[in-house]
PDB file of N, CA and C in Angstrom:
ATOM      1  N   MET A   1     -12.771 -29.552  11.228  1.00  0.00           N
ATOM      2  CA  MET A   1     -12.296 -28.898  12.428  1.00  0.00           C
ATOM      3  C   MET A   1     -11.472 -27.662  12.087  1.00  0.00           C
ATOM      4  N   LYS A   2     -10.593 -27.768  11.071  1.00  0.00           N
ATOM      5  CA  LYS A   2      -9.778 -26.620  10.677  1.00  0.00           C
ATOM      6  C   LYS A   2     -10.662 -25.447  10.256  1.00  0.00           C
ATOM      7  N   LYS A   3     -11.742 -25.767   9.551  1.00  0.00           N
ATOM      8  CA  LYS A   3     -12.639 -24.719   9.084  1.00  0.00           C
ATOM      9  C   LYS A   3     -13.272 -23.994  10.268  1.00  0.00           C
ATOM     10  N   LEU A   4     -13.663 -24.727  11.308  1.00  0.00           N
ATOM     11  CA  LEU A   4     -14.235 -24.112  12.503  1.00  0.00           C
ATOM     12  C   LEU A   4     -13.212 -23.229  13.207  1.00  0.00           C
ATOM     13  N   LEU A   5     -11.972 -23.687  13.326  1.00  0.00           N
ATOM     14  CA  LEU A   5     -10.925 -22.878  13.953  1.00  0.00           C
ATOM     15  C   LEU A   5     -10.660 -21.621  13.143  1.00  0.00           C
ATOM     16  N   TYR A   6     -10.669 -21.749  11.838  1.00  0.00           N
ATOM     17  CA  TYR A   6     -10.452 -20.607  10.959  1.00  0.00           C
ATOM     18  C   TYR A   6     -11.569 -19.581  11.148  1.00  0.00           C
ATOM     19  N   ILE A   7     -12.797 -20.042  11.180  1.00  0.00           N
ATOM     20  CA  ILE A   7     -13.940 -19.139  11.370  1.00  0.00           C
ATOM     21  C   ILE A   7     -13.852 -18.476  12.733  1.00  0.00           C
ATOM     22  N   TYR A   8     -13.509 -19.248  13.774  1.00  0.00           N
ATOM     23  CA  TYR A   8     -13.371 -18.664  15.105  1.00  0.00           C
ATOM     24  C   TYR A   8     -12.266 -17.615  15.117  1.00  0.00           C
ATOM     25  N   SER A   9     -11.143 -17.906  14.460  1.00  0.00           N
ATOM     26  CA  SER A   9     -10.025 -16.969  14.415  1.00  0.00           C
ATOM     27  C   SER A   9     -10.431 -15.660  13.749  1.00  0.00           C
ATOM     28  N   ILE A  10     -11.183 -15.741  12.680  1.00  0.00           N
ATOM     29  CA  ILE A  10     -11.646 -14.530  11.994  1.00  0.00           C
ATOM     30  C   ILE A  10     -12.566 -13.742  12.912  1.00  0.00           C
ATOM     31  N   ASP A  11     -13.466 -14.421  13.602  1.00  0.00           N
ATOM     32  CA  ASP A  11     -14.390 -13.749  14.510  1.00  0.00           C
ATOM     33  C   ASP A  11     -13.638 -13.106  15.672  1.00  0.00           C
ATOM     34  N   ALA A  12     -12.671 -13.820  16.234  1.00  0.00           N
ATOM     35  CA  ALA A  12     -11.881 -13.275  17.341  1.00  0.00           C
ATOM     36  C   ALA A  12     -11.083 -12.063  16.872  1.00  0.00           C
ATOM     37  N   MET A  13     -10.522 -12.114  15.683  1.00  0.00           N
ATOM     38  CA  MET A  13      -9.762 -10.987  15.151  1.00  0.00           C
ATOM     39  C   MET A  13     -10.680  -9.788  14.925  1.00  0.00           C
ATOM     40  N   LYS A  14     -11.881 -10.044  14.423  1.00  0.00           N
ATOM     41  CA  LYS A  14     -12.844  -8.949  14.229  1.00  0.00           C
ATOM     42  C   LYS A  14     -13.150  -8.281  15.568  1.00  0.00           C
ATOM     43  N   ASN A  15     -13.347  -9.090  16.595  1.00  0.00           N
ATOM     44  CA  ASN A  15     -13.633  -8.543  17.921  1.00  0.00           C
ATOM     45  C   ASN A  15     -12.452  -7.753  18.468  1.00  0.00           C
ATOM     46  N   LEU A  16     -11.250  -8.237  18.231  1.00  0.00           N
ATOM     47  CA  LEU A  16     -10.061  -7.519  18.672  1.00  0.00           C
ATOM     48  C   LEU A  16      -9.923  -6.202  17.920  1.00  0.00           C
ATOM     49  N   MET A  17     -10.169  -6.214  16.628  1.00  0.00           N
ATOM     50  CA  MET A  17     -10.104  -4.988  15.843  1.00  0.00           C
ATOM     51  C   MET A  17     -11.147  -3.977  16.307  1.00  0.00           C
ATOM     52  N   LEU A  18     -12.268  -4.456  16.762  1.00  0.00           N
ATOM     53  CA  LEU A  18     -13.283  -3.567  17.314  1.00  0.00           C
ATOM     54  C   LEU A  18     -12.683  -2.766  18.458  1.00  0.00           C
ATOM     55  N   GLY A  19     -11.935  -3.426  19.316  1.00  0.00           N
ATOM     56  CA  GLY A  19     -11.303  -2.726  20.431  1.00  0.00           C
ATOM     57  C   GLY A  19     -10.255  -1.733  19.978  1.00  0.00           C
ATOM     58  N   ILE A  20      -9.492  -2.099  18.980  1.00  0.00           N
ATOM     59  CA  ILE A  20      -8.443  -1.219  18.476  1.00  0.00           C
ATOM     60  C   ILE A  20      -9.046   0.019  17.822  1.00  0.00           C
ATOM     61  N   LEU A  21     -10.061  -0.164  17.024  1.00  0.00           N
ATOM     62  CA  LEU A  21     -10.601   0.925  16.224  1.00  0.00           C
ATOM     63  C   LEU A  21     -11.629   1.778  16.948  1.00  0.00           C
ATOM     64  N   SER A  22     -12.280   1.238  17.951  1.00  0.00           N
ATOM     65  CA  SER A  22     -13.425   1.944  18.514  1.00  0.00           C
ATOM     66  C   SER A  22     -13.053   3.021  19.514  1.00  0.00           C
ATOM     67  N   CYS A  23     -12.015   2.773  20.316  1.00  0.00           N
ATOM     68  CA  CYS A  23     -11.667   3.691  21.405  1.00  0.00           C
ATOM     69  C   CYS A  23     -12.898   3.956  22.259  1.00  0.00           C
ATOM     70  N   SER A  24     -13.756   2.977  22.390  1.00  0.00           N
ATOM     71  CA  SER A  24     -14.989   3.152  23.138  1.00  0.00           C
ATOM     72  C   SER A  24     -14.722   3.029  24.629  1.00  0.00           C
ATOM     73  N   ARG A  25     -15.571   3.626  25.381  1.00  0.00           N
ATOM     74  CA  ARG A  25     -15.513   3.511  26.832  1.00  0.00           C
ATOM     75  C   ARG A  25     -16.575   2.516  27.252  1.00  0.00           C
ATOM     76  N   PHE A  26     -16.307   1.831  28.347  1.00  0.00           N
ATOM     77  CA  PHE A  26     -17.211   0.773  28.784  1.00  0.00           C
ATOM     78  C   PHE A  26     -18.590   1.320  29.107  1.00  0.00           C
ATOM     79  N   LYS A  27     -18.666   2.434  29.825  1.00  0.00           N
ATOM     80  CA  LYS A  27     -19.958   2.914  30.293  1.00  0.00           C
ATOM     81  C   LYS A  27     -20.435   4.189  29.603  1.00  0.00           C
ATOM     82  N   LEU A  28     -19.531   5.111  29.362  1.00  0.00           N
ATOM     83  CA  LEU A  28     -19.948   6.445  28.952  1.00  0.00           C
ATOM     84  C   LEU A  28     -20.263   6.597  27.474  1.00  0.00           C
ATOM     85  N   ARG A  29     -19.586   5.848  26.632  1.00  0.00           N
ATOM     86  CA  ARG A  29     -19.776   5.994  25.190  1.00  0.00           C
ATOM     87  C   ARG A  29     -19.990   4.633  24.562  1.00  0.00           C
ATOM     88  N   SER A  30     -20.569   4.678  23.429  1.00  0.00           N
ATOM     89  CA  SER A  30     -20.669   3.444  22.660  1.00  0.00           C
ATOM     90  C   SER A  30     -19.815   3.601  21.408  1.00  0.00           C
ATOM     91  N   VAL A  31     -19.532   2.486  20.779  1.00  0.00           N
ATOM     92  CA  VAL A  31     -18.843   2.520  19.503  1.00  0.00           C
ATOM     93  C   VAL A  31     -19.751   3.271  18.534  1.00  0.00           C
ATOM     94  N   PRO A  32     -19.207   4.128  17.697  1.00  0.00           N
ATOM     95  CA  PRO A  32     -20.071   4.891  16.781  1.00  0.00           C
ATOM     96  C   PRO A  32     -21.026   3.988  16.001  1.00  0.00           C
ATOM     97  N   ASP A  33     -22.271   4.428  15.877  1.00  0.00           N
ATOM     98  CA  ASP A  33     -23.300   3.636  15.194  1.00  0.00           C
ATOM     99  C   ASP A  33     -22.900   3.252  13.781  1.00  0.00           C
ATOM    100  N   TYR A  34     -22.219   4.143  13.085  1.00  0.00           N
ATOM    101  CA  TYR A  34     -21.851   3.837  11.706  1.00  0.00           C
ATOM    102  C   TYR A  34     -20.798   2.754  11.630  1.00  0.00           C
ATOM    103  N   PHE A  35     -20.168   2.447  12.758  1.00  0.00           N
ATOM    104  CA  PHE A  35     -19.077   1.488  12.742  1.00  0.00           C
ATOM    105  C   PHE A  35     -19.534   0.088  13.154  1.00  0.00           C
ATOM    106  N   PHE A  36     -20.134  -0.043  14.326  1.00  0.00           N
ATOM    107  CA  PHE A  36     -20.577  -1.355  14.807  1.00  0.00           C
ATOM    108  C   PHE A  36     -21.925  -1.296  15.507  1.00  0.00           C
ATOM    109  N   ARG A  37     -22.780  -0.441  15.073  1.00  0.00           N
ATOM    110  CA  ARG A  37     -24.159  -0.372  15.540  1.00  0.00           C
ATOM    111  C   ARG A  37     -24.314  -0.131  17.038  1.00  0.00           C
ATOM    112  N   GLY A  38     -23.532   0.787  17.587  1.00  0.00           N
ATOM    113  CA  GLY A  38     -23.750   1.272  18.941  1.00  0.00           C
ATOM    114  C   GLY A  38     -23.502   0.293  20.065  1.00  0.00           C
ATOM    115  N   LEU A  39     -22.518  -0.569  19.943  1.00  0.00           N
ATOM    116  CA  LEU A  39     -22.202  -1.483  21.032  1.00  0.00           C
ATOM    117  C   LEU A  39     -21.660  -0.710  22.216  1.00  0.00           C
ATOM    118  N   LYS A  40     -22.028  -1.136  23.428  1.00  0.00           N
ATOM    119  CA  LYS A  40     -21.473  -0.529  24.636  1.00  0.00           C
ATOM    120  C   LYS A  40     -21.557  -1.526  25.768  1.00  0.00           C
ATOM    121  N   GLY A  41     -20.837  -1.254  26.842  1.00  0.00           N
ATOM    122  CA  GLY A  41     -20.846  -2.135  28.001  1.00  0.00           C
ATOM    123  C   GLY A  41     -20.483  -3.556  27.624  1.00  0.00           C
ATOM    124  N   GLU A  42     -21.248  -4.495  28.142  1.00  0.00           N
ATOM    125  CA  GLU A  42     -20.969  -5.901  27.881  1.00  0.00           C
ATOM    126  C   GLU A  42     -21.304  -6.309  26.445  1.00  0.00           C
ATOM    127  N   GLY A  43     -21.904  -5.412  25.682  1.00  0.00           N
ATOM    128  CA  GLY A  43     -22.128  -5.661  24.269  1.00  0.00           C
ATOM    129  C   GLY A  43     -20.852  -5.558  23.448  1.00  0.00           C
ATOM    130  N   ILE A  44     -19.842  -4.894  24.002  1.00  0.00           N
ATOM    131  CA  ILE A  44     -18.527  -4.822  23.356  1.00  0.00           C
ATOM    132  C   ILE A  44     -17.883  -6.191  23.550  1.00  0.00           C
ATOM    133  N   PRO A  45     -17.377  -6.811  22.504  1.00  0.00           N
ATOM    134  CA  PRO A  45     -16.785  -8.150  22.645  1.00  0.00           C
ATOM    135  C   PRO A  45     -15.709  -8.190  23.730  1.00  0.00           C
ATOM    136  N   LEU A  46     -15.651  -9.317  24.444  1.00  0.00           N
ATOM    137  CA  LEU A  46     -14.708  -9.485  25.547  1.00  0.00           C
ATOM    138  C   LEU A  46     -13.273  -9.215  25.104  1.00  0.00           C
ATOM    139  N   GLU A  47     -12.897  -9.689  23.915  1.00  0.00           N
ATOM    140  CA  GLU A  47     -11.528  -9.469  23.425  1.00  0.00           C
ATOM    141  C   GLU A  47     -11.208  -7.984  23.366  1.00  0.00           C
ATOM    142  N   ALA A  48     -12.168  -7.186  22.944  1.00  0.00           N
ATOM    143  CA  ALA A  48     -11.971  -5.743  22.842  1.00  0.00           C
ATOM    144  C   ALA A  48     -11.872  -5.110  24.222  1.00  0.00           C
ATOM    145  N   ARG A  49     -12.663  -5.588  25.176  1.00  0.00           N
ATOM    146  CA  ARG A  49     -12.615  -5.046  26.539  1.00  0.00           C
ATOM    147  C   ARG A  49     -11.290  -5.374  27.213  1.00  0.00           C
ATOM    148  N   ILE A  50     -10.768  -6.568  26.953  1.00  0.00           N
ATOM    149  CA  ILE A  50      -9.459  -6.953  27.491  1.00  0.00           C
ATOM    150  C   ILE A  50      -8.372  -6.102  26.835  1.00  0.00           C
ATOM    151  N   PHE A  51      -8.443  -5.968  25.517  1.00  0.00           N
ATOM    152  CA  PHE A  51      -7.445  -5.185  24.790  1.00  0.00           C
ATOM    153  C   PHE A  51      -7.391  -3.752  25.289  1.00  0.00           C
ATOM    154  N   ALA A  52      -8.526  -3.165  25.614  1.00  0.00           N
ATOM    155  CA  ALA A  52      -8.565  -1.777  26.074  1.00  0.00           C
ATOM    156  C   ALA A  52      -7.693  -1.579  27.311  1.00  0.00           C
ATOM    157  N   VAL A  53      -7.782  -2.494  28.273  1.00  0.00           N
ATOM    158  CA  VAL A  53      -6.981  -2.387  29.503  1.00  0.00           C
ATOM    159  C   VAL A  53      -5.501  -2.581  29.187  1.00  0.00           C
ATOM    160  N   ILE A  54      -5.190  -3.609  28.422  1.00  0.00           N
ATOM    161  CA  ILE A  54      -3.788  -3.915  28.100  1.00  0.00           C
ATOM    162  C   ILE A  54      -3.163  -2.771  27.304  1.00  0.00           C
ATOM    163  N   ASP A  55      -3.899  -2.220  26.359  1.00  0.00           N
ATOM    164  CA  ASP A  55      -3.376  -1.145  25.523  1.00  0.00           C
ATOM    165  C   ASP A  55      -3.055   0.097  26.352  1.00  0.00           C
ATOM    166  N   VAL A  56      -3.940   0.477  27.245  1.00  0.00           N
ATOM    167  CA  VAL A  56      -3.696   1.653  28.088  1.00  0.00           C
ATOM    168  C   VAL A  56      -2.524   1.392  29.031  1.00  0.00           C
ATOM    169  N   TYR A  57      -2.466   0.197  29.614  1.00  0.00           N
ATOM    170  CA  TYR A  57      -1.342  -0.131  30.501  1.00  0.00           C
ATOM    171  C   TYR A  57      -0.017   0.005  29.747  1.00  0.00           C
ATOM    172  N   ASP A  58       0.035  -0.570  28.555  1.00  0.00           N
ATOM    173  CA  ASP A  58       1.266  -0.502  27.765  1.00  0.00           C
ATOM    174  C   ASP A  58       1.602   0.939  27.381  1.00  0.00           C
ATOM    175  N   ALA A  59       0.615   1.699  26.960  1.00  0.00           N
ATOM    176  CA  ALA A  59       0.855   3.080  26.543  1.00  0.00           C
ATOM    177  C   ALA A  59       1.375   3.933  27.704  1.00  0.00           C
ATOM    178  N   LEU A  60       0.786   3.759  28.878  1.00  0.00           N
ATOM    179  CA  LEU A  60       1.177   4.595  30.010  1.00  0.00           C
ATOM    180  C   LEU A  60       2.524   4.197  30.618  1.00  0.00           C
ATOM    181  N   THR A  61       2.893   2.935  30.523  1.00  0.00           N
ATOM    182  CA  THR A  61       4.139   2.490  31.148  1.00  0.00           C
ATOM    183  C   THR A  61       5.319   2.472  30.182  1.00  0.00           C
ATOM    184  N   SER A  62       5.102   2.866  28.937  1.00  0.00           N
ATOM    185  CA  SER A  62       6.170   2.869  27.937  1.00  0.00           C
ATOM    186  C   SER A  62       6.749   4.269  27.780  1.00  0.00           C
ATOM    187  N   ASP A  63       8.066   4.344  27.727  1.00  0.00           N
ATOM    188  CA  ASP A  63       8.714   5.628  27.462  1.00  0.00           C
ATOM    189  C   ASP A  63       8.473   6.022  26.020  1.00  0.00           C
ATOM    190  N   ARG A  64       8.086   7.247  25.830  1.00  0.00           N
ATOM    191  CA  ARG A  64       7.865   7.805  24.503  1.00  0.00           C
ATOM    192  C   ARG A  64       8.510   9.180  24.495  1.00  0.00           C
ATOM    193  N   PRO A  65       8.696   9.738  23.333  1.00  0.00           N
ATOM    194  CA  PRO A  65       9.312  11.069  23.314  1.00  0.00           C
ATOM    195  C   PRO A  65       8.563  12.071  24.197  1.00  0.00           C
ATOM    196  N   TYR A  66       7.243  11.947  24.209  1.00  0.00           N
ATOM    197  CA  TYR A  66       6.417  12.806  25.055  1.00  0.00           C
ATOM    198  C   TYR A  66       5.100  12.109  25.270  1.00  0.00           C
ATOM    199  N   PRO A  67       4.645  11.920  26.431  1.00  0.00           N
ATOM    200  CA  PRO A  67       5.246  12.150  27.737  1.00  0.00           C
ATOM    201  C   PRO A  67       6.082  10.955  28.185  1.00  0.00           C
ATOM    202  N   LYS A  68       6.753  11.116  29.293  1.00  0.00           N
ATOM    203  CA  LYS A  68       7.538  10.020  29.866  1.00  0.00           C
ATOM    204  C   LYS A  68       6.581   8.980  30.463  1.00  0.00           C
ATOM    205  N   ALA A  69       7.092   7.772  30.611  1.00  0.00           N
ATOM    206  CA  ALA A  69       6.282   6.661  31.136  1.00  0.00           C
ATOM    207  C   ALA A  69       5.850   6.935  32.577  1.00  0.00           C
ATOM    208  N   TRP A  70       4.656   6.479  32.906  1.00  0.00           N
ATOM    209  CA  TRP A  70       4.186   6.510  34.279  1.00  0.00           C
ATOM    210  C   TRP A  70       4.788   5.315  35.011  1.00  0.00           C
ATOM    211  N   SER A  71       4.818   5.390  36.326  1.00  0.00           N
ATOM    212  CA  SER A  71       5.262   4.240  37.116  1.00  0.00           C
ATOM    213  C   SER A  71       4.176   3.168  37.071  1.00  0.00           C
ATOM    214  N   LYS A  72       4.556   1.960  37.404  1.00  0.00           N
ATOM    215  CA  LYS A  72       3.588   0.861  37.453  1.00  0.00           C
ATOM    216  C   LYS A  72       2.464   1.189  38.442  1.00  0.00           C
ATOM    217  N   GLU A  73       2.831   1.750  39.592  1.00  0.00           N
ATOM    218  CA  GLU A  73       1.833   2.077  40.624  1.00  0.00           C
ATOM    219  C   GLU A  73       0.848   3.140  40.141  1.00  0.00           C
ATOM    220  N   GLU A  74       1.362   4.196  39.478  1.00  0.00           N
ATOM    221  CA  GLU A  74       0.481   5.239  38.939  1.00  0.00           C
ATOM    222  C   GLU A  74      -0.476   4.664  37.896  1.00  0.00           C
ATOM    223  N   THR A  75       0.048   3.810  37.056  1.00  0.00           N
ATOM    224  CA  THR A  75      -0.758   3.221  35.993  1.00  0.00           C
ATOM    225  C   THR A  75      -1.852   2.322  36.561  1.00  0.00           C
ATOM    226  N   LEU A  76      -1.499   1.477  37.531  1.00  0.00           N
ATOM    227  CA  LEU A  76      -2.505   0.596  38.137  1.00  0.00           C
ATOM    228  C   LEU A  76      -3.579   1.407  38.861  1.00  0.00           C
ATOM    229  N   GLU A  77      -3.189   2.502  39.501  1.00  0.00           N
ATOM    230  CA  GLU A  77      -4.170   3.361  40.174  1.00  0.00           C
ATOM    231  C   GLU A  77      -5.114   3.996  39.149  1.00  0.00           C
ATOM    232  N   TYR A  78      -4.576   4.449  38.031  1.00  0.00           N
ATOM    233  CA  TYR A  78      -5.405   5.026  36.973  1.00  0.00           C
ATOM    234  C   TYR A  78      -6.404   3.994  36.448  1.00  0.00           C
ATOM    235  N   ILE A  79      -5.928   2.790  36.207  1.00  0.00           N
ATOM    236  CA  ILE A  79      -6.812   1.727  35.704  1.00  0.00           C
ATOM    237  C   ILE A  79      -7.901   1.434  36.740  1.00  0.00           C
ATOM    238  N   ARG A  80      -7.536   1.406  38.029  1.00  0.00           N
ATOM    239  CA  ARG A  80      -8.542   1.222  39.092  1.00  0.00           C
ATOM    240  C   ARG A  80      -9.596   2.327  39.042  1.00  0.00           C
ATOM    241  N   GLU A  81      -9.143   3.561  38.903  1.00  0.00           N
ATOM    242  CA  GLU A  81     -10.054   4.714  38.867  1.00  0.00           C
ATOM    243  C   GLU A  81     -11.006   4.657  37.677  1.00  0.00           C
ATOM    244  N   GLN A  82     -10.544   4.110  36.578  1.00  0.00           N
ATOM    245  CA  GLN A  82     -11.351   4.062  35.357  1.00  0.00           C
ATOM    246  C   GLN A  82     -12.217   2.805  35.240  1.00  0.00           C
ATOM    247  N   SER A  83     -12.128   1.931  36.232  1.00  0.00           N
ATOM    248  CA  SER A  83     -12.947   0.721  36.254  1.00  0.00           C
ATOM    249  C   SER A  83     -14.426   1.107  36.294  1.00  0.00           C
ATOM    250  N   GLY A  84     -15.194   0.583  35.365  1.00  0.00           N
ATOM    251  CA  GLY A  84     -16.613   0.894  35.283  1.00  0.00           C
ATOM    252  C   GLY A  84     -16.908   2.134  34.465  1.00  0.00           C
ATOM    253  N   LYS A  85     -15.872   2.903  34.145  1.00  0.00           N
ATOM    254  CA  LYS A  85     -16.036   4.102  33.309  1.00  0.00           C
ATOM    255  C   LYS A  85     -15.456   3.818  31.929  1.00  0.00           C
ATOM    256  N   HIS A  86     -14.147   3.738  31.884  1.00  0.00           N
ATOM    257  CA  HIS A  86     -13.456   3.472  30.617  1.00  0.00           C
ATOM    258  C   HIS A  86     -13.291   1.969  30.383  1.00  0.00           C
ATOM    259  N   PHE A  87     -13.197   1.213  31.472  1.00  0.00           N
ATOM    260  CA  PHE A  87     -12.906  -0.216  31.385  1.00  0.00           C
ATOM    261  C   PHE A  87     -13.982  -1.058  32.052  1.00  0.00           C
ATOM    262  N   ASP A  88     -14.141  -2.272  31.565  1.00  0.00           N
ATOM    263  CA  ASP A  88     -15.033  -3.259  32.164  1.00  0.00           C
ATOM    264  C   ASP A  88     -14.499  -3.612  33.554  1.00  0.00           C
ATOM    265  N   PRO A  89     -15.308  -3.444  34.606  1.00  0.00           N
ATOM    266  CA  PRO A  89     -14.839  -3.722  35.965  1.00  0.00           C
ATOM    267  C   PRO A  89     -14.361  -5.163  36.166  1.00  0.00           C
ATOM    268  N   GLN A  90     -14.988  -6.129  35.513  1.00  0.00           N
ATOM    269  CA  GLN A  90     -14.564  -7.524  35.665  1.00  0.00           C
ATOM    270  C   GLN A  90     -13.201  -7.750  35.026  1.00  0.00           C
ATOM    271  N   VAL A  91     -12.952  -7.119  33.897  1.00  0.00           N
ATOM    272  CA  VAL A  91     -11.651  -7.233  33.233  1.00  0.00           C
ATOM    273  C   VAL A  91     -10.581  -6.578  34.094  1.00  0.00           C
ATOM    274  N   VAL A  92     -10.886  -5.404  34.653  1.00  0.00           N
ATOM    275  CA  VAL A  92      -9.928  -4.711  35.525  1.00  0.00           C
ATOM    276  C   VAL A  92      -9.601  -5.565  36.739  1.00  0.00           C
ATOM    277  N   GLU A  93     -10.598  -6.170  37.341  1.00  0.00           N
ATOM    278  CA  GLU A  93     -10.375  -7.015  38.521  1.00  0.00           C
ATOM    279  C   GLU A  93      -9.392  -8.140  38.206  1.00  0.00           C
ATOM    280  N   VAL A  94      -9.601  -8.824  37.108  1.00  0.00           N
ATOM    281  CA  VAL A  94      -8.705  -9.925  36.724  1.00  0.00           C
ATOM    282  C   VAL A  94      -7.322  -9.384  36.365  1.00  0.00           C
ATOM    283  N   PHE A  95      -7.272  -8.302  35.615  1.00  0.00           N
ATOM    284  CA  PHE A  95      -5.988  -7.703  35.227  1.00  0.00           C
ATOM    285  C   PHE A  95      -5.169  -7.321  36.450  1.00  0.00           C
ATOM    286  N   LEU A  96      -5.807  -6.646  37.401  1.00  0.00           N
ATOM    287  CA  LEU A  96      -5.078  -6.223  38.615  1.00  0.00           C
ATOM    288  C   LEU A  96      -4.601  -7.418  39.418  1.00  0.00           C
ATOM    289  N   LYS A  97      -5.416  -8.436  39.517  1.00  0.00           N
ATOM    290  CA  LYS A  97      -5.005  -9.636  40.240  1.00  0.00           C
ATOM    291  C   LYS A  97      -3.790 -10.276  39.568  1.00  0.00           C
ATOM    292  N   LEU A  98      -3.820 -10.391  38.260  1.00  0.00           N
ATOM    293  CA  LEU A  98      -2.690 -10.978  37.531  1.00  0.00           C
ATOM    294  C   LEU A  98      -1.447 -10.095  37.635  1.00  0.00           C
ATOM    295  N   GLU A  99      -1.638  -8.790  37.531  1.00  0.00           N
ATOM    296  CA  GLU A  99      -0.512  -7.859  37.547  1.00  0.00           C
ATOM    297  C   GLU A  99       0.116  -7.770  38.945  1.00  0.00           C
ATOM    298  N   ILE A 100      -0.711  -7.773  39.964  1.00  0.00           N
ATOM    299  CA  ILE A 100      -0.214  -7.640  41.337  1.00  0.00           C
ATOM    300  C   ILE A 100       0.333  -8.968  41.847  1.00  0.00           C
ATOM    301  N   ASP A 101      -0.394 -10.056  41.606  1.00  0.00           N
ATOM    302  CA  ASP A 101       0.047 -11.371  42.089  1.00  0.00           C
ATOM    303  C   ASP A 101       1.123 -11.977  41.199  1.00  0.00           C
ATOM    304  N   GLY A 102       1.230 -11.430  39.992  1.00  0.00           N
ATOM    305  CA  GLY A 102       2.268 -11.812  39.052  1.00  0.00           C
ATOM    306  C   GLY A 102       2.197 -13.165  38.523  1.00  0.00           C
TER     307      GLY A 102
END
């Protein structure tokens, strides 16, 4: 059982790293072919699609030297606008429900 969990953990981490390294968009671009053989849309692992939304939310709502943080409302509107373009629409739907309903 430990071996199966270990293998799953490695696979999940690989999928998460795909999201970190790819900067891919859900619809418009695919991950570069030399990196992960042109994954796009639902071919991008779910962990990576979830990470993409969370990463942008955190980046936009965090104060940095430049630029200043966006408000929660501005950030959620941006994520809504990018649903189906930059982000998986199903992931955005769940994220917004969790974020709004708390």
